[in-house]
Amino acid sequence: MNGVANLFDLGSVLIVGLLLALFSSLHMEDLLQEDSQVTITKQSSSGEMEIIVKDGKKIEAMKVSKEQAKGKGQRLGTAYRLENGSMVYIPEVNK
């Protein structure tokens, strides 16, 4: 029985190590810090967006529909996706 308990302990340590490696590889270390502020946006294949906001210890998830996103506003600039996948935002200059 001692061997089974040791395997369980080893498995727990391995899982924690893999989770830390995953957070590190995705550059999401801020999710583990208490005083950090993080905003994540996700878009499903159906087009529904979800915004996850972490402010300190408080985490809030909001689903955004097309009806909620409608409204009047002001154009601020243009965003371009480059060939390498990165995005560039160019603000408009108001004269």
PDB file of N, CA and C in Angstrom:
ATOM      1  N   MET A   1       0.805  -1.202   0.000  1.00  0.00           N
ATOM      2  CA  MET A   1       0.000   0.000   0.000  1.00  0.00           C
ATOM      3  C   MET A   1       0.851   1.270   0.000  1.00  0.00           C
ATOM      4  N   ASN A   2       2.044   1.181   0.576  1.00  0.00           N
ATOM      5  CA  ASN A   2       2.900   2.363   0.596  1.00  0.00           C
ATOM      6  C   ASN A   2       3.283   2.788  -0.818  1.00  0.00           C
ATOM      7  N   GLY A   3       3.461   1.818  -1.688  1.00  0.00           N
ATOM      8  CA  GLY A   3       3.823   2.129  -3.070  1.00  0.00           C
ATOM      9  C   GLY A   3       2.706   2.868  -3.796  1.00  0.00           C
ATOM     10  N   VAL A   4       1.455   2.510  -3.537  1.00  0.00           N
ATOM     11  CA  VAL A   4       0.312   3.173  -4.167  1.00  0.00           C
ATOM     12  C   VAL A   4       0.201   4.612  -3.682  1.00  0.00           C
ATOM     13  N   ALA A   5       0.413   4.843  -2.386  1.00  0.00           N
ATOM     14  CA  ALA A   5       0.356   6.201  -1.835  1.00  0.00           C
ATOM     15  C   ALA A   5       1.454   7.074  -2.445  1.00  0.00           C
ATOM     16  N   ASN A   6       2.628   6.500  -2.626  1.00  0.00           N
ATOM     17  CA  ASN A   6       3.721   7.262  -3.227  1.00  0.00           C
ATOM     18  C   ASN A   6       3.417   7.608  -4.685  1.00  0.00           C
ATOM     19  N   LEU A   7       2.782   6.691  -5.419  1.00  0.00           N
ATOM     20  CA  LEU A   7       2.402   6.980  -6.808  1.00  0.00           C
ATOM     21  C   LEU A   7       1.370   8.098  -6.877  1.00  0.00           C
ATOM     22  N   PHE A   8       0.435   8.109  -5.925  1.00  0.00           N
ATOM     23  CA  PHE A   8      -0.558   9.180  -5.883  1.00  0.00           C
ATOM     24  C   PHE A   8       0.112  10.525  -5.638  1.00  0.00           C
ATOM     25  N   ASP A   9       1.042  10.573  -4.691  1.00  0.00           N
ATOM     26  CA  ASP A   9       1.776  11.809  -4.410  1.00  0.00           C
ATOM     27  C   ASP A   9       2.573  12.258  -5.636  1.00  0.00           C
ATOM     28  N   LEU A  10       3.212  11.328  -6.285  1.00  0.00           N
ATOM     29  CA  LEU A  10       3.992  11.644  -7.477  1.00  0.00           C
ATOM     30  C   LEU A  10       3.087  12.180  -8.587  1.00  0.00           C
ATOM     31  N   GLY A  11       1.918  11.576  -8.761  1.00  0.00           N
ATOM     32  CA  GLY A  11       0.966  12.049  -9.765  1.00  0.00           C
ATOM     33  C   GLY A  11       0.478  13.454  -9.465  1.00  0.00           C
ATOM     34  N   SER A  12       0.225  13.771  -8.196  1.00  0.00           N
ATOM     35  CA  SER A  12      -0.223  15.116  -7.816  1.00  0.00           C
ATOM     36  C   SER A  12       0.848  16.157  -8.135  1.00  0.00           C
ATOM     37  N   VAL A  13       2.089  15.849  -7.814  1.00  0.00           N
ATOM     38  CA  VAL A  13       3.191  16.775  -8.102  1.00  0.00           C
ATOM     39  C   VAL A  13       3.346  16.957  -9.607  1.00  0.00           C
ATOM     40  N   LEU A  14       3.204  15.883 -10.361  1.00  0.00           N
ATOM     41  CA  LEU A  14       3.323  15.963 -11.813  1.00  0.00           C
ATOM     42  C   LEU A  14       2.213  16.836 -12.411  1.00  0.00           C
ATOM     43  N   ILE A  15       0.984  16.692 -11.933  1.00  0.00           N
ATOM     44  CA  ILE A  15      -0.135  17.496 -12.439  1.00  0.00           C
ATOM     45  C   ILE A  15       0.081  18.972 -12.144  1.00  0.00           C
ATOM     46  N   VAL A  16       0.512  19.314 -10.937  1.00  0.00           N
ATOM     47  CA  VAL A  16       0.767  20.719 -10.590  1.00  0.00           C
ATOM     48  C   VAL A  16       1.884  21.274 -11.468  1.00  0.00           C
ATOM     49  N   GLY A  17       2.924  20.490 -11.694  1.00  0.00           N
ATOM     50  CA  GLY A  17       4.020  20.940 -12.560  1.00  0.00           C
ATOM     51  C   GLY A  17       3.552  21.183 -13.987  1.00  0.00           C
ATOM     52  N   LEU A  18       2.712  20.301 -14.510  1.00  0.00           N
ATOM     53  CA  LEU A  18       2.189  20.483 -15.870  1.00  0.00           C
ATOM     54  C   LEU A  18       1.296  21.718 -15.973  1.00  0.00           C
ATOM     55  N   LEU A  19       0.480  21.972 -14.943  1.00  0.00           N
ATOM     56  CA  LEU A  19      -0.360  23.175 -14.957  1.00  0.00           C
ATOM     57  C   LEU A  19       0.492  24.450 -14.948  1.00  0.00           C
ATOM     58  N   LEU A  20       1.528  24.462 -14.125  1.00  0.00           N
ATOM     59  CA  LEU A  20       2.411  25.633 -14.092  1.00  0.00           C
ATOM     60  C   LEU A  20       3.135  25.816 -15.427  1.00  0.00           C
ATOM     61  N   ALA A  21       3.556  24.717 -16.053  1.00  0.00           N
ATOM     62  CA  ALA A  21       4.205  24.813 -17.364  1.00  0.00           C
ATOM     63  C   ALA A  21       3.231  25.329 -18.413  1.00  0.00           C
ATOM     64  N   LEU A  22       1.968  24.910 -18.344  1.00  0.00           N
ATOM     65  CA  LEU A  22       0.954  25.384 -19.281  1.00  0.00           C
ATOM     66  C   LEU A  22       0.724  26.886 -19.131  1.00  0.00           C
ATOM     67  N   PHE A  23       0.555  27.366 -17.899  1.00  0.00           N
ATOM     68  CA  PHE A  23       0.370  28.794 -17.673  1.00  0.00           C
ATOM     69  C   PHE A  23       1.580  29.582 -18.162  1.00  0.00           C
ATOM     70  N   SER A  24       2.763  29.048 -17.937  1.00  0.00           N
ATOM     71  CA  SER A  24       3.982  29.737 -18.353  1.00  0.00           C
ATOM     72  C   SER A  24       4.095  29.789 -19.877  1.00  0.00           C
ATOM     73  N   SER A  25       3.764  28.701 -20.546  1.00  0.00           N
ATOM     74  CA  SER A  25       3.899  28.670 -22.003  1.00  0.00           C
ATOM     75  C   SER A  25       2.864  29.559 -22.691  1.00  0.00           C
ATOM     76  N   LEU A  26       1.714  29.753 -22.076  1.00  0.00           N
ATOM     77  CA  LEU A  26       0.683  30.624 -22.642  1.00  0.00           C
ATOM     78  C   LEU A  26       0.801  32.063 -22.152  1.00  0.00           C
ATOM     79  N   HIS A  27       1.839  32.348 -21.367  1.00  0.00           N
ATOM     80  CA  HIS A  27       2.082  33.690 -20.814  1.00  0.00           C
ATOM     81  C   HIS A  27       0.871  34.173 -20.026  1.00  0.00           C
ATOM     82  N   MET A  28       0.346  33.310 -19.175  1.00  0.00           N
ATOM     83  CA  MET A  28      -0.830  33.645 -18.380  1.00  0.00           C
ATOM     84  C   MET A  28      -0.499  33.644 -16.884  1.00  0.00           C
ATOM     85  N   GLU A  29       0.719  34.026 -16.534  1.00  0.00           N
ATOM     86  CA  GLU A  29       1.123  34.048 -15.134  1.00  0.00           C
ATOM     87  C   GLU A  29       0.301  35.046 -14.334  1.00  0.00           C
ATOM     88  N   ASP A  30      -0.227  36.080 -14.993  1.00  0.00           N
ATOM     89  CA  ASP A  30      -1.008  37.093 -14.287  1.00  0.00           C
ATOM     90  C   ASP A  30      -2.274  36.517 -13.672  1.00  0.00           C
ATOM     91  N   LEU A  31      -2.781  35.413 -14.207  1.00  0.00           N
ATOM     92  CA  LEU A  31      -3.976  34.805 -13.626  1.00  0.00           C
ATOM     93  C   LEU A  31      -3.708  34.241 -12.237  1.00  0.00           C
ATOM     94  N   LEU A  32      -2.455  33.935 -11.935  1.00  0.00           N
ATOM     95  CA  LEU A  32      -2.104  33.357 -10.644  1.00  0.00           C
ATOM     96  C   LEU A  32      -1.785  34.410  -9.591  1.00  0.00           C
ATOM     97  N   GLN A  33      -1.578  35.673  -9.981  1.00  0.00           N
ATOM     98  CA  GLN A  33      -1.238  36.730  -9.032  1.00  0.00           C
ATOM     99  C   GLN A  33      -2.511  37.374  -8.497  1.00  0.00           C
ATOM    100  N   GLU A  34      -2.526  37.657  -7.187  1.00  0.00           N
ATOM    101  CA  GLU A  34      -3.730  38.195  -6.552  1.00  0.00           C
ATOM    102  C   GLU A  34      -4.088  39.601  -7.012  1.00  0.00           C
ATOM    103  N   ASP A  35      -3.110  40.461  -7.220  1.00  0.00           N
ATOM    104  CA  ASP A  35      -3.396  41.869  -7.485  1.00  0.00           C
ATOM    105  C   ASP A  35      -3.370  42.224  -8.978  1.00  0.00           C
ATOM    106  N   SER A  36      -3.401  41.241  -9.857  1.00  0.00           N
ATOM    107  CA  SER A  36      -3.309  41.531 -11.291  1.00  0.00           C
ATOM    108  C   SER A  36      -4.687  41.823 -11.881  1.00  0.00           C
ATOM    109  N   GLN A  37      -4.672  42.506 -13.019  1.00  0.00           N
ATOM    110  CA  GLN A  37      -5.892  42.795 -13.778  1.00  0.00           C
ATOM    111  C   GLN A  37      -5.717  42.203 -15.171  1.00  0.00           C
ATOM    112  N   VAL A  38      -6.625  41.297 -15.560  1.00  0.00           N
ATOM    113  CA  VAL A  38      -6.527  40.591 -16.834  1.00  0.00           C
ATOM    114  C   VAL A  38      -7.889  40.601 -17.508  1.00  0.00           C
ATOM    115  N   THR A  39      -7.901  40.824 -18.828  1.00  0.00           N
ATOM    116  CA  THR A  39      -9.125  40.730 -19.620  1.00  0.00           C
ATOM    117  C   THR A  39      -8.872  39.763 -20.769  1.00  0.00           C
ATOM    118  N   ILE A  40      -9.744  38.772 -20.905  1.00  0.00           N
ATOM    119  CA  ILE A  40      -9.633  37.771 -21.962  1.00  0.00           C
ATOM    120  C   ILE A  40     -10.924  37.789 -22.763  1.00  0.00           C
ATOM    121  N   THR A  41     -10.810  37.825 -24.090  1.00  0.00           N
ATOM    122  CA  THR A  41     -11.994  37.736 -24.944  1.00  0.00           C
ATOM    123  C   THR A  41     -11.927  36.428 -25.720  1.00  0.00           C
ATOM    124  N   LYS A  42     -13.076  35.752 -25.798  1.00  0.00           N
ATOM    125  CA  LYS A  42     -13.175  34.500 -26.543  1.00  0.00           C
ATOM    126  C   LYS A  42     -14.339  34.620 -27.509  1.00  0.00           C
ATOM    127  N   GLN A  43     -14.192  34.020 -28.671  1.00  0.00           N
ATOM    128  CA  GLN A  43     -15.275  34.007 -29.643  1.00  0.00           C
ATOM    129  C   GLN A  43     -15.494  32.571 -30.091  1.00  0.00           C
ATOM    130  N   SER A  44     -16.753  32.107 -29.964  1.00  0.00           N
ATOM    131  CA  SER A  44     -17.072  30.741 -30.351  1.00  0.00           C
ATOM    132  C   SER A  44     -17.259  30.661 -31.860  1.00  0.00           C
ATOM    133  N   SER A  45     -17.381  29.450 -32.354  1.00  0.00           N
ATOM    134  CA  SER A  45     -17.571  29.264 -33.791  1.00  0.00           C
ATOM    135  C   SER A  45     -18.903  29.818 -34.270  1.00  0.00           C
ATOM    136  N   SER A  46     -19.875  29.954 -33.352  1.00  0.00           N
ATOM    137  CA  SER A  46     -21.173  30.517 -33.725  1.00  0.00           C
ATOM    138  C   SER A  46     -21.155  32.047 -33.724  1.00  0.00           C
ATOM    139  N   GLY A  47     -20.053  32.655 -33.303  1.00  0.00           N
ATOM    140  CA  GLY A  47     -19.925  34.108 -33.318  1.00  0.00           C
ATOM    141  C   GLY A  47     -20.223  34.762 -31.985  1.00  0.00           C
ATOM    142  N   GLU A  48     -20.636  33.988 -30.980  1.00  0.00           N
ATOM    143  CA  GLU A  48     -20.919  34.555 -29.666  1.00  0.00           C
ATOM    144  C   GLU A  48     -19.612  34.854 -28.948  1.00  0.00           C
ATOM    145  N   MET A  49     -19.520  36.040 -28.364  1.00  0.00           N
ATOM    146  CA  MET A  49     -18.296  36.438 -27.672  1.00  0.00           C
ATOM    147  C   MET A  49     -18.493  36.351 -26.170  1.00  0.00           C
ATOM    148  N   GLU A  50     -17.406  36.033 -25.475  1.00  0.00           N
ATOM    149  CA  GLU A  50     -17.406  36.009 -24.016  1.00  0.00           C
ATOM    150  C   GLU A  50     -16.205  36.808 -23.544  1.00  0.00           C
ATOM    151  N   ILE A  51     -16.435  37.692 -22.594  1.00  0.00           N
ATOM    152  CA  ILE A  51     -15.369  38.522 -22.029  1.00  0.00           C
ATOM    153  C   ILE A  51     -15.181  38.101 -20.584  1.00  0.00           C
ATOM    154  N   ILE A  52     -13.946  37.731 -20.238  1.00  0.00           N
ATOM    155  CA  ILE A  52     -13.609  37.322 -18.877  1.00  0.00           C
ATOM    156  C   ILE A  52     -12.693  38.388 -18.295  1.00  0.00           C
ATOM    157  N   VAL A  53     -13.117  38.996 -17.184  1.00  0.00           N
ATOM    158  CA  VAL A  53     -12.360  40.077 -16.556  1.00  0.00           C
ATOM    159  C   VAL A  53     -11.956  39.632 -15.160  1.00  0.00           C
ATOM    160  N   LYS A  54     -10.648  39.691 -14.875  1.00  0.00           N
ATOM    161  CA  LYS A  54     -10.137  39.395 -13.539  1.00  0.00           C
ATOM    162  C   LYS A  54      -9.547  40.672 -12.973  1.00  0.00           C
ATOM    163  N   ASP A  55     -10.112  41.132 -11.868  1.00  0.00           N
ATOM    164  CA  ASP A  55      -9.632  42.345 -11.209  1.00  0.00           C
ATOM    165  C   ASP A  55      -9.326  41.981  -9.764  1.00  0.00           C
ATOM    166  N   GLY A  56      -8.059  41.742  -9.476  1.00  0.00           N
ATOM    167  CA  GLY A  56      -7.682  41.285  -8.143  1.00  0.00           C
ATOM    168  C   GLY A  56      -8.168  39.863  -7.929  1.00  0.00           C
ATOM    169  N   LYS A  57      -8.976  39.652  -6.885  1.00  0.00           N
ATOM    170  CA  LYS A  57      -9.512  38.321  -6.608  1.00  0.00           C
ATOM    171  C   LYS A  57     -10.859  38.094  -7.283  1.00  0.00           C
ATOM    172  N   LYS A  58     -11.457  39.135  -7.830  1.00  0.00           N
ATOM    173  CA  LYS A  58     -12.787  39.037  -8.435  1.00  0.00           C
ATOM    174  C   LYS A  58     -12.673  38.659  -9.915  1.00  0.00           C
ATOM    175  N   ILE A  59     -13.397  37.603 -10.320  1.00  0.00           N
ATOM    176  CA  ILE A  59     -13.421  37.158 -11.709  1.00  0.00           C
ATOM    177  C   ILE A  59     -14.861  37.223 -12.193  1.00  0.00           C
ATOM    178  N   GLU A  60     -15.075  37.882 -13.330  1.00  0.00           N
ATOM    179  CA  GLU A  60     -16.412  38.049 -13.881  1.00  0.00           C
ATOM    180  C   GLU A  60     -16.400  37.642 -15.352  1.00  0.00           C
ATOM    181  N   ALA A  61     -17.385  36.848 -15.758  1.00  0.00           N
ATOM    182  CA  ALA A  61     -17.519  36.418 -17.147  1.00  0.00           C
ATOM    183  C   ALA A  61     -18.816  36.979 -17.702  1.00  0.00           C
ATOM    184  N   MET A  62     -18.738  37.596 -18.894  1.00  0.00           N
ATOM    185  CA  MET A  62     -19.913  38.198 -19.527  1.00  0.00           C
ATOM    186  C   MET A  62     -20.040  37.669 -20.940  1.00  0.00           C
ATOM    187  N   LYS A  63     -21.234  37.252 -21.317  1.00  0.00           N
ATOM    188  CA  LYS A  63     -21.505  36.851 -22.698  1.00  0.00           C
ATOM    189  C   LYS A  63     -22.072  38.061 -23.418  1.00  0.00           C
ATOM    190  N   VAL A  64     -21.551  38.335 -24.605  1.00  0.00           N
ATOM    191  CA  VAL A  64     -21.973  39.498 -25.383  1.00  0.00           C
ATOM    192  C   VAL A  64     -22.682  39.011 -26.640  1.00  0.00           C
ATOM    193  N   SER A  65     -23.918  39.458 -26.816  1.00  0.00           N
ATOM    194  CA  SER A  65     -24.665  39.109 -28.022  1.00  0.00           C
ATOM    195  C   SER A  65     -24.598  40.272 -29.005  1.00  0.00           C
ATOM    196  N   LYS A  66     -25.047  40.028 -30.222  1.00  0.00           N
ATOM    197  CA  LYS A  66     -25.028  41.085 -31.233  1.00  0.00           C
ATOM    198  C   LYS A  66     -25.964  42.223 -30.857  1.00  0.00           C
ATOM    199  N   GLU A  67     -27.063  41.898 -30.156  1.00  0.00           N
ATOM    200  CA  GLU A  67     -28.007  42.937 -29.757  1.00  0.00           C
ATOM    201  C   GLU A  67     -27.380  43.879 -28.723  1.00  0.00           C
ATOM    202  N   GLN A  68     -26.569  43.333 -27.822  1.00  0.00           N
ATOM    203  CA  GLN A  68     -25.919  44.155 -26.810  1.00  0.00           C
ATOM    204  C   GLN A  68     -24.823  45.024 -27.413  1.00  0.00           C
ATOM    205  N   ALA A  69     -24.216  44.574 -28.495  1.00  0.00           N
ATOM    206  CA  ALA A  69     -23.096  45.292 -29.088  1.00  0.00           C
ATOM    207  C   ALA A  69     -23.555  46.400 -30.031  1.00  0.00           C
ATOM    208  N   LYS A  70     -24.844  46.445 -30.347  1.00  0.00           N
ATOM    209  CA  LYS A  70     -25.339  47.477 -31.263  1.00  0.00           C
ATOM    210  C   LYS A  70     -25.386  48.823 -30.552  1.00  0.00           C
ATOM    211  N   GLY A  71     -25.264  49.868 -31.315  1.00  0.00           N
ATOM    212  CA  GLY A  71     -25.360  51.215 -30.753  1.00  0.00           C
ATOM    213  C   GLY A  71     -24.631  52.212 -31.619  1.00  0.00           C
ATOM    214  N   LYS A  72     -24.733  53.450 -31.237  1.00  0.00           N
ATOM    215  CA  LYS A  72     -24.054  54.515 -31.958  1.00  0.00           C
ATOM    216  C   LYS A  72     -22.720  54.775 -31.292  1.00  0.00           C
ATOM    217  N   GLY A  73     -21.754  55.092 -32.096  1.00  0.00           N
ATOM    218  CA  GLY A  73     -20.431  55.356 -31.562  1.00  0.00           C
ATOM    219  C   GLY A  73     -19.592  56.143 -32.544  1.00  0.00           C
ATOM    220  N   GLN A  74     -18.355  56.254 -32.239  1.00  0.00           N
ATOM    221  CA  GLN A  74     -17.424  57.027 -33.047  1.00  0.00           C
ATOM    222  C   GLN A  74     -16.290  56.102 -33.480  1.00  0.00           C
ATOM    223  N   ARG A  75     -15.937  56.160 -34.753  1.00  0.00           N
ATOM    224  CA  ARG A  75     -14.843  55.346 -35.258  1.00  0.00           C
ATOM    225  C   ARG A  75     -13.527  55.879 -34.701  1.00  0.00           C
ATOM    226  N   LEU A  76     -12.732  54.977 -34.150  1.00  0.00           N
ATOM    227  CA  LEU A  76     -11.484  55.381 -33.511  1.00  0.00           C
ATOM    228  C   LEU A  76     -10.257  55.067 -34.346  1.00  0.00           C
ATOM    229  N   GLY A  77     -10.363  54.119 -35.255  1.00  0.00           N
ATOM    230  CA  GLY A  77      -9.205  53.756 -36.056  1.00  0.00           C
ATOM    231  C   GLY A  77      -9.450  52.465 -36.805  1.00  0.00           C
ATOM    232  N   THR A  78      -8.361  51.869 -37.287  1.00  0.00           N
ATOM    233  CA  THR A  78      -8.443  50.654 -38.082  1.00  0.00           C
ATOM    234  C   THR A  78      -7.454  49.633 -37.533  1.00  0.00           C
ATOM    235  N   ALA A  79      -7.870  48.365 -37.501  1.00  0.00           N
ATOM    236  CA  ALA A  79      -6.987  47.282 -37.075  1.00  0.00           C
ATOM    237  C   ALA A  79      -6.696  46.397 -38.279  1.00  0.00           C
ATOM    238  N   TYR A  80      -5.435  45.987 -38.410  1.00  0.00           N
ATOM    239  CA  TYR A  80      -5.010  45.127 -39.508  1.00  0.00           C
ATOM    240  C   TYR A  80      -4.370  43.875 -38.935  1.00  0.00           C
ATOM    241  N   ARG A  81      -4.647  42.718 -39.557  1.00  0.00           N
ATOM    242  CA  ARG A  81      -3.961  41.475 -39.202  1.00  0.00           C
ATOM    243  C   ARG A  81      -2.856  41.264 -40.227  1.00  0.00           C
ATOM    244  N   LEU A  82      -1.619  41.153 -39.751  1.00  0.00           N
ATOM    245  CA  LEU A  82      -0.467  40.985 -40.626  1.00  0.00           C
ATOM    246  C   LEU A  82      -0.316  39.515 -41.027  1.00  0.00           C
ATOM    247  N   GLU A  83       0.564  39.249 -41.981  1.00  0.00           N
ATOM    248  CA  GLU A  83       0.765  37.889 -42.484  1.00  0.00           C
ATOM    249  C   GLU A  83       1.240  36.934 -41.400  1.00  0.00           C
ATOM    250  N   ASN A  84       1.989  37.434 -40.423  1.00  0.00           N
ATOM    251  CA  ASN A  84       2.500  36.568 -39.358  1.00  0.00           C
ATOM    252  C   ASN A  84       1.478  36.331 -38.255  1.00  0.00           C
ATOM    253  N   GLY A  85       0.263  36.893 -38.384  1.00  0.00           N
ATOM    254  CA  GLY A  85      -0.804  36.673 -37.414  1.00  0.00           C
ATOM    255  C   GLY A  85      -0.934  37.766 -36.373  1.00  0.00           C
ATOM    256  N   SER A  86       0.038  38.649 -36.259  1.00  0.00           N
ATOM    257  CA  SER A  86      -0.059  39.727 -35.280  1.00  0.00           C
ATOM    258  C   SER A  86      -1.013  40.807 -35.791  1.00  0.00           C
ATOM    259  N   MET A  87      -1.499  41.613 -34.865  1.00  0.00           N
ATOM    260  CA  MET A  87      -2.448  42.667 -35.226  1.00  0.00           C
ATOM    261  C   MET A  87      -1.839  44.029 -34.936  1.00  0.00           C
ATOM    262  N   VAL A  88      -2.188  45.001 -35.779  1.00  0.00           N
ATOM    263  CA  VAL A  88      -1.705  46.368 -35.632  1.00  0.00           C
ATOM    264  C   VAL A  88      -2.919  47.283 -35.623  1.00  0.00           C
ATOM    265  N   TYR A  89      -2.982  48.188 -34.656  1.00  0.00           N
ATOM    266  CA  TYR A  89      -4.075  49.163 -34.568  1.00  0.00           C
ATOM    267  C   TYR A  89      -3.533  50.528 -34.950  1.00  0.00           C
ATOM    268  N   ILE A  90      -4.205  51.194 -35.877  1.00  0.00           N
ATOM    269  CA  ILE A  90      -3.798  52.531 -36.317  1.00  0.00           C
ATOM    270  C   ILE A  90      -4.924  53.492 -35.972  1.00  0.00           C
ATOM    271  N   PRO A  91      -4.711  54.381 -34.997  1.00  0.00           N
ATOM    272  CA  PRO A  91      -5.768  55.327 -34.636  1.00  0.00           C
ATOM    273  C   PRO A  91      -5.944  56.386 -35.722  1.00  0.00           C
ATOM    274  N   GLU A  92      -7.182  56.871 -35.866  1.00  0.00           N
ATOM    275  CA  GLU A  92      -7.445  57.944 -36.805  1.00  0.00           C
ATOM    276  C   GLU A  92      -7.092  59.276 -36.169  1.00  0.00           C
ATOM    277  N   VAL A  93      -6.552  60.154 -36.980  1.00  0.00           N
ATOM    278  CA  VAL A  93      -6.184  61.482 -36.502  1.00  0.00           C
ATOM    279  C   VAL A  93      -7.325  62.431 -36.859  1.00  0.00           C
ATOM    280  N   ASN A  94      -7.924  63.035 -35.836  1.00  0.00           N
ATOM    281  CA  ASN A  94      -9.004  64.005 -36.078  1.00  0.00           C
ATOM    282  C   ASN A  94      -8.395  65.377 -36.282  1.00  0.00           C
ATOM    283  N   LYS A  95      -8.749  65.997 -37.408  1.00  0.00           N
ATOM    284  CA  LYS A  95      -8.189  67.321 -37.707  1.00  0.00           C
ATOM    285  C   LYS A  95      -9.205  68.387 -37.448  1.00  0.00           C
TER     286      LYS A  95
END
